[in-house]
C-alpha cells in the first residue's frame, strides 16, 4: 500500500498534507523567516506559528504567499472561553487562515462535556465567521478509547473542520492513536496527526491510515525523504 501511495501521490499533493510547524518557545525571527521561505518553496499547506510570530509576519507582510496558521489556548487549553475567543479574533483580523484550538482537558476530564462543547463552539463560530479553518486538539494520547469517542463527538458538534491528535508538547502521538481517531471519526470530520512525526515513512503510514493533515516541525526533511523514496520506487 505504501508503495502505491508514494507512486501515485505527486510531490505537490504530498506537500499539501503537511502543516509545517514552528512553536518552540525559544525561536528567533531569523528561524521563522527560514520556515516562511521553506513553506513557499515546497508548497506546504500552511505554516503554524505562535500568535506572536503569526502577527509579526503578517503585520510586516513577510508571508504574503503562504497560509499562516496559529494556535489558541496553546498548549494547556484551560484559558477561559472569553480569552480564547479574543485570541482567535485578533489572529483572524490580522489575516491568519487556520487555527489549532486546544480543548480544555481539565473540564473534559471532569465530565463537564456541555461546558467543553460551549467553549469550543464559541471559538469555532468566530473562526468560521472569517471563513477560516478550525482544528481542535484533543491530546488523544492522554485519553482512553471511550474518552476519544466522547471527545470526537464533542468536536463534531462544535462544527470544527478537523480533530487533531495532540500538541506534541503535552503528549506524543503514535500510529495507534491516529488509527483510532480515523476509525472513530468515520468520515464525520477530518483528522490531523501531530506530535512526533519526523520522517517520511511515519507521514506515509498516517496518510495510509486516513489522515488529512500532518503537523510537523521537520516538514522539509520529510518532504526530501519522500522525494528520495519516490525516485527509488519509480526507477524500479
Protein backbone atom coordinates (compact mmCIF):
# COMPACT_ATOMS: atom_id res chain seq x y z
CA UNK A 1 0.00 0.00 0.00
CA UNK A 2 2.78 2.45 0.87
CA UNK A 3 4.45 1.78 -2.47
CA UNK A 4 1.24 2.68 -4.28
CA UNK A 5 0.79 5.85 -2.22
CA UNK A 6 4.33 7.02 -2.98
CA UNK A 7 3.98 6.28 -6.67
CA UNK A 8 0.54 7.84 -7.02
CA UNK A 9 0.96 10.87 -4.78
CA UNK A 10 2.66 13.72 -6.63
CA UNK A 11 5.21 15.87 -4.73
CA UNK A 12 2.76 18.77 -4.87
CA UNK A 13 -0.06 16.68 -3.40
CA UNK A 14 2.20 15.21 -0.72
CA UNK A 15 3.31 18.70 0.34
CA UNK A 16 -0.34 19.66 0.79
CA UNK A 17 -0.66 17.09 3.58
CA UNK A 18 2.00 18.89 5.63
CA UNK A 19 1.46 21.71 8.12
CA UNK A 20 4.99 22.96 8.71
CA UNK A 21 5.11 23.85 12.40
CA UNK A 22 7.34 26.14 14.48
CA UNK A 23 6.06 26.57 18.03
CA UNK A 24 9.20 26.24 20.14
CA UNK A 25 9.23 28.96 22.80
CA UNK A 26 12.87 29.99 22.13
CA UNK A 27 12.61 30.59 18.36
CA UNK A 28 14.04 33.79 16.87
CA UNK A 29 12.70 35.70 13.88
CA UNK A 30 15.52 34.51 11.60
CA UNK A 31 14.38 30.92 12.07
CA UNK A 32 10.76 31.94 11.49
CA UNK A 33 11.66 33.59 8.18
CA UNK A 34 13.55 30.48 7.09
CA UNK A 35 10.37 28.45 7.72
CA UNK A 36 8.35 31.00 5.75
CA UNK A 37 10.73 30.60 2.82
CA UNK A 38 10.63 26.80 3.02
CA UNK A 39 6.83 26.83 3.06
CA UNK A 40 6.86 28.93 -0.12
CA UNK A 41 9.47 26.74 -1.84
CA UNK A 42 7.99 23.35 -1.01
CA UNK A 43 4.31 24.28 -1.10
CA UNK A 44 3.29 23.05 2.34
CA UNK A 45 -0.39 23.51 3.22
CA UNK A 46 0.36 26.12 5.86
CA UNK A 47 2.91 27.35 8.37
CA UNK A 48 1.89 27.08 12.02
CA UNK A 49 3.35 29.84 14.19
CA UNK A 50 2.82 31.16 17.70
CA UNK A 51 0.36 34.08 17.94
CA UNK A 52 3.32 36.43 18.44
CA UNK A 53 5.16 35.31 15.31
CA UNK A 54 1.98 34.93 13.26
CA UNK A 55 1.02 38.54 13.95
CA UNK A 56 4.60 39.72 13.36
CA UNK A 57 5.00 38.18 9.90
CA UNK A 58 1.50 39.19 8.79
CA UNK A 59 1.77 42.77 10.06
CA UNK A 60 5.13 43.19 8.34
CA UNK A 61 3.91 41.44 5.18
CA UNK A 62 6.61 38.80 5.36
CA UNK A 63 4.38 35.84 4.49
CA UNK A 64 2.03 37.02 1.77
CA UNK A 65 2.37 33.94 -0.44
CA UNK A 66 1.51 31.26 2.14
CA UNK A 67 -1.27 30.35 4.56
CA UNK A 68 -0.47 31.18 8.16
CA UNK A 69 -1.98 29.05 10.91
CA UNK A 70 -1.72 29.83 14.60
CA UNK A 71 -2.85 28.40 17.92
CA UNK A 72 -5.49 29.26 20.51
CA UNK A 73 -5.28 28.29 24.19
CA UNK A 74 -1.93 26.69 23.49
CA UNK A 75 -0.67 24.42 24.90
CA UNK A 76 -2.80 23.73 28.00
CA UNK A 77 -6.26 24.68 26.73
CA UNK A 78 -7.56 25.85 30.10
CA UNK A 79 -7.73 29.58 29.44
CA UNK A 80 -11.25 30.99 29.70
CA UNK A 81 -13.62 30.93 26.75
CA UNK A 82 -13.62 34.73 26.61
CA UNK A 83 -9.84 34.80 26.33
CA UNK A 84 -9.85 32.09 23.64
CA UNK A 85 -12.43 33.97 21.59
CA UNK A 86 -10.47 37.22 21.87
CA UNK A 87 -7.22 35.48 20.94
CA UNK A 88 -8.85 33.84 17.92
CA UNK A 89 -10.45 37.07 16.71
CA UNK A 90 -7.23 39.06 16.94
CA UNK A 91 -5.40 36.44 14.89
CA UNK A 92 -8.17 36.23 12.31
CA UNK A 93 -8.33 40.01 11.92
CA UNK A 94 -4.59 40.01 11.27
CA UNK A 95 -5.00 37.51 8.43
CA UNK A 96 -4.47 34.05 9.96
CA UNK A 97 -6.28 31.48 7.81
CA UNK A 98 -6.32 28.47 10.14
CA UNK A 99 -6.41 27.99 13.92
CA UNK A 100 -5.45 24.97 16.02
CA UNK A 101 -7.51 25.24 19.20
CA UNK A 102 -6.71 23.30 22.38
CA UNK A 103 -9.61 21.57 24.11
CA UNK A 104 -9.98 22.23 27.83
CA UNK A 105 -8.70 18.90 29.20
CA UNK A 106 -9.41 19.82 32.81
CA UNK A 107 -13.07 20.41 32.01
CA UNK A 108 -13.23 17.30 29.83
CA UNK A 109 -11.66 15.01 32.44
CA UNK A 110 -14.17 16.35 34.96
CA UNK A 111 -17.01 15.16 32.74
CA UNK A 112 -18.29 18.70 32.09
CA UNK A 113 -18.99 17.90 28.45
CA UNK A 114 -21.57 20.64 27.84
CA UNK A 115 -19.03 23.16 29.09
CA UNK A 116 -16.35 21.74 26.78
CA UNK A 117 -18.69 21.96 23.81
CA UNK A 118 -19.74 25.52 24.60
CA UNK A 119 -16.10 26.55 24.93
CA UNK A 120 -15.09 25.02 21.59
CA UNK A 121 -18.18 26.14 19.70
CA UNK A 122 -17.69 29.73 20.83
CA UNK A 123 -14.25 29.78 19.22
CA UNK A 124 -15.20 27.72 16.16
CA UNK A 125 -18.12 30.05 15.39
CA UNK A 126 -15.72 33.01 15.31
CA UNK A 127 -13.26 31.12 13.12
CA UNK A 128 -15.95 30.15 10.62
CA UNK A 129 -17.33 33.69 10.52
CA UNK A 130 -13.98 34.71 8.99
CA UNK A 131 -14.04 31.84 6.51
CA UNK A 132 -11.07 30.24 8.26
CA UNK A 133 -10.31 26.64 9.23
CA UNK A 134 -10.74 25.32 12.80
CA UNK A 135 -8.82 22.33 14.12
CA UNK A 136 -9.38 21.06 17.66
CA UNK A 137 -6.52 19.47 19.61
CA UNK A 138 -7.80 16.79 22.00
CA UNK A 139 -4.50 15.31 23.31
CA UNK A 140 -5.64 11.84 22.27
CA UNK A 141 -2.64 10.01 23.83
CA UNK A 142 -3.93 11.13 27.24
CA UNK A 143 -7.43 9.75 26.59
CA UNK A 144 -8.92 6.29 26.91
CA UNK A 145 -10.66 4.86 23.85
CA UNK A 146 -14.05 5.72 25.35
CA UNK A 147 -12.87 9.27 26.05
CA UNK A 148 -11.68 9.58 22.45
CA UNK A 149 -15.17 8.65 21.28
CA UNK A 150 -16.68 11.35 23.50
CA UNK A 151 -14.09 13.96 22.55
CA UNK A 152 -14.66 13.45 18.84
CA UNK A 153 -18.42 13.59 19.36
CA UNK A 154 -17.97 17.00 21.01
CA UNK A 155 -15.60 18.24 18.29
CA UNK A 156 -18.04 17.20 15.57
CA UNK A 157 -20.86 19.03 17.36
CA UNK A 158 -18.69 22.13 17.66
CA UNK A 159 -18.64 22.45 13.87
CA UNK A 160 -14.85 22.31 13.60
CA UNK A 161 -13.25 21.14 10.38
CA UNK A 162 -10.59 18.88 11.94
CA UNK A 163 -9.82 16.93 15.07
CA UNK A 164 -6.10 16.96 15.86
CA UNK A 165 -4.27 14.33 17.88
CA UNK A 166 -2.00 16.38 20.14
CA UNK A 167 0.10 19.46 20.74
CA UNK A 168 3.30 17.45 20.69
CA UNK A 169 4.23 19.23 23.92
CA UNK A 170 1.97 17.56 26.47
CA UNK A 171 2.00 14.19 24.72
CA UNK A 172 3.38 12.35 21.70
CA UNK A 173 1.20 10.63 19.14
CA UNK A 174 1.70 7.07 17.93
CA UNK A 175 0.06 5.39 14.94
CA UNK A 176 -2.42 3.60 17.22
CA UNK A 177 -3.81 7.00 18.26
CA UNK A 178 -4.03 8.03 14.62
CA UNK A 179 -5.82 4.82 13.65
CA UNK A 180 -8.32 5.16 16.49
CA UNK A 181 -9.14 8.79 15.65
CA UNK A 182 -9.67 7.98 11.97
CA UNK A 183 -11.81 4.97 12.90
CA UNK A 184 -13.93 6.87 15.43
CA UNK A 185 -14.30 9.92 13.18
CA UNK A 186 -15.66 7.68 10.44
CA UNK A 187 -15.69 10.46 7.87
CA UNK A 188 -17.66 12.88 10.06
CA UNK A 189 -14.64 15.14 10.49
CA UNK A 190 -11.14 15.35 9.07
CA UNK A 191 -8.16 14.18 11.12
CA UNK A 192 -4.83 15.94 11.64
CA UNK A 193 -1.97 13.89 13.06
CA UNK A 194 0.72 15.71 15.02
CA UNK A 195 3.13 15.18 17.87
CA UNK A 196 6.21 13.19 16.92
CA UNK A 197 6.13 12.87 13.14
CA UNK A 198 9.72 13.30 11.97
CA UNK A 199 10.20 11.08 8.91
CA UNK A 200 8.52 10.37 5.59
CA UNK A 201 7.68 6.77 6.45
CA UNK A 202 5.68 7.91 9.50
CA UNK A 203 3.85 10.51 7.43
CA UNK A 204 3.07 7.99 4.70
CA UNK A 205 1.75 5.47 7.22
CA UNK A 206 -0.52 8.16 8.67
CA UNK A 207 -1.77 9.00 5.18
CA UNK A 208 -2.38 5.31 4.52
CA UNK A 209 -4.43 5.13 7.72
CA UNK A 210 -6.56 8.03 6.52
CA UNK A 211 -5.40 11.37 7.94
CA UNK A 212 -5.96 14.58 6.02
CA UNK A 213 -3.13 16.66 7.53
CA UNK A 214 0.14 16.07 9.35
CA UNK A 215 1.68 18.67 11.63
CA UNK A 216 5.45 18.52 11.87
CA UNK A 217 8.45 20.69 12.67
CA UNK A 218 10.53 18.68 10.19
CA UNK A 219 8.42 19.18 7.07
CA UNK A 220 11.44 19.83 4.82
CA UNK A 221 13.19 16.67 5.99
CA UNK A 222 10.00 14.63 5.50
CA UNK A 223 9.49 16.06 2.02
CA UNK A 224 13.07 15.32 0.94
CA UNK A 225 12.83 11.77 2.28
CA UNK A 226 9.59 11.32 0.36
CA UNK A 227 11.24 12.54 -2.87
CA UNK A 228 14.06 10.04 -2.38
CA UNK A 229 11.60 7.20 -1.81
CA UNK A 230 9.61 8.25 -4.86
CA UNK A 231 12.71 8.36 -7.02
CA UNK A 232 13.81 4.89 -5.87
CA UNK A 233 10.38 3.37 -6.44
CA UNK A 234 9.82 4.94 -9.85
CA UNK A 235 13.23 3.77 -11.00
CA UNK A 236 12.28 0.22 -10.03
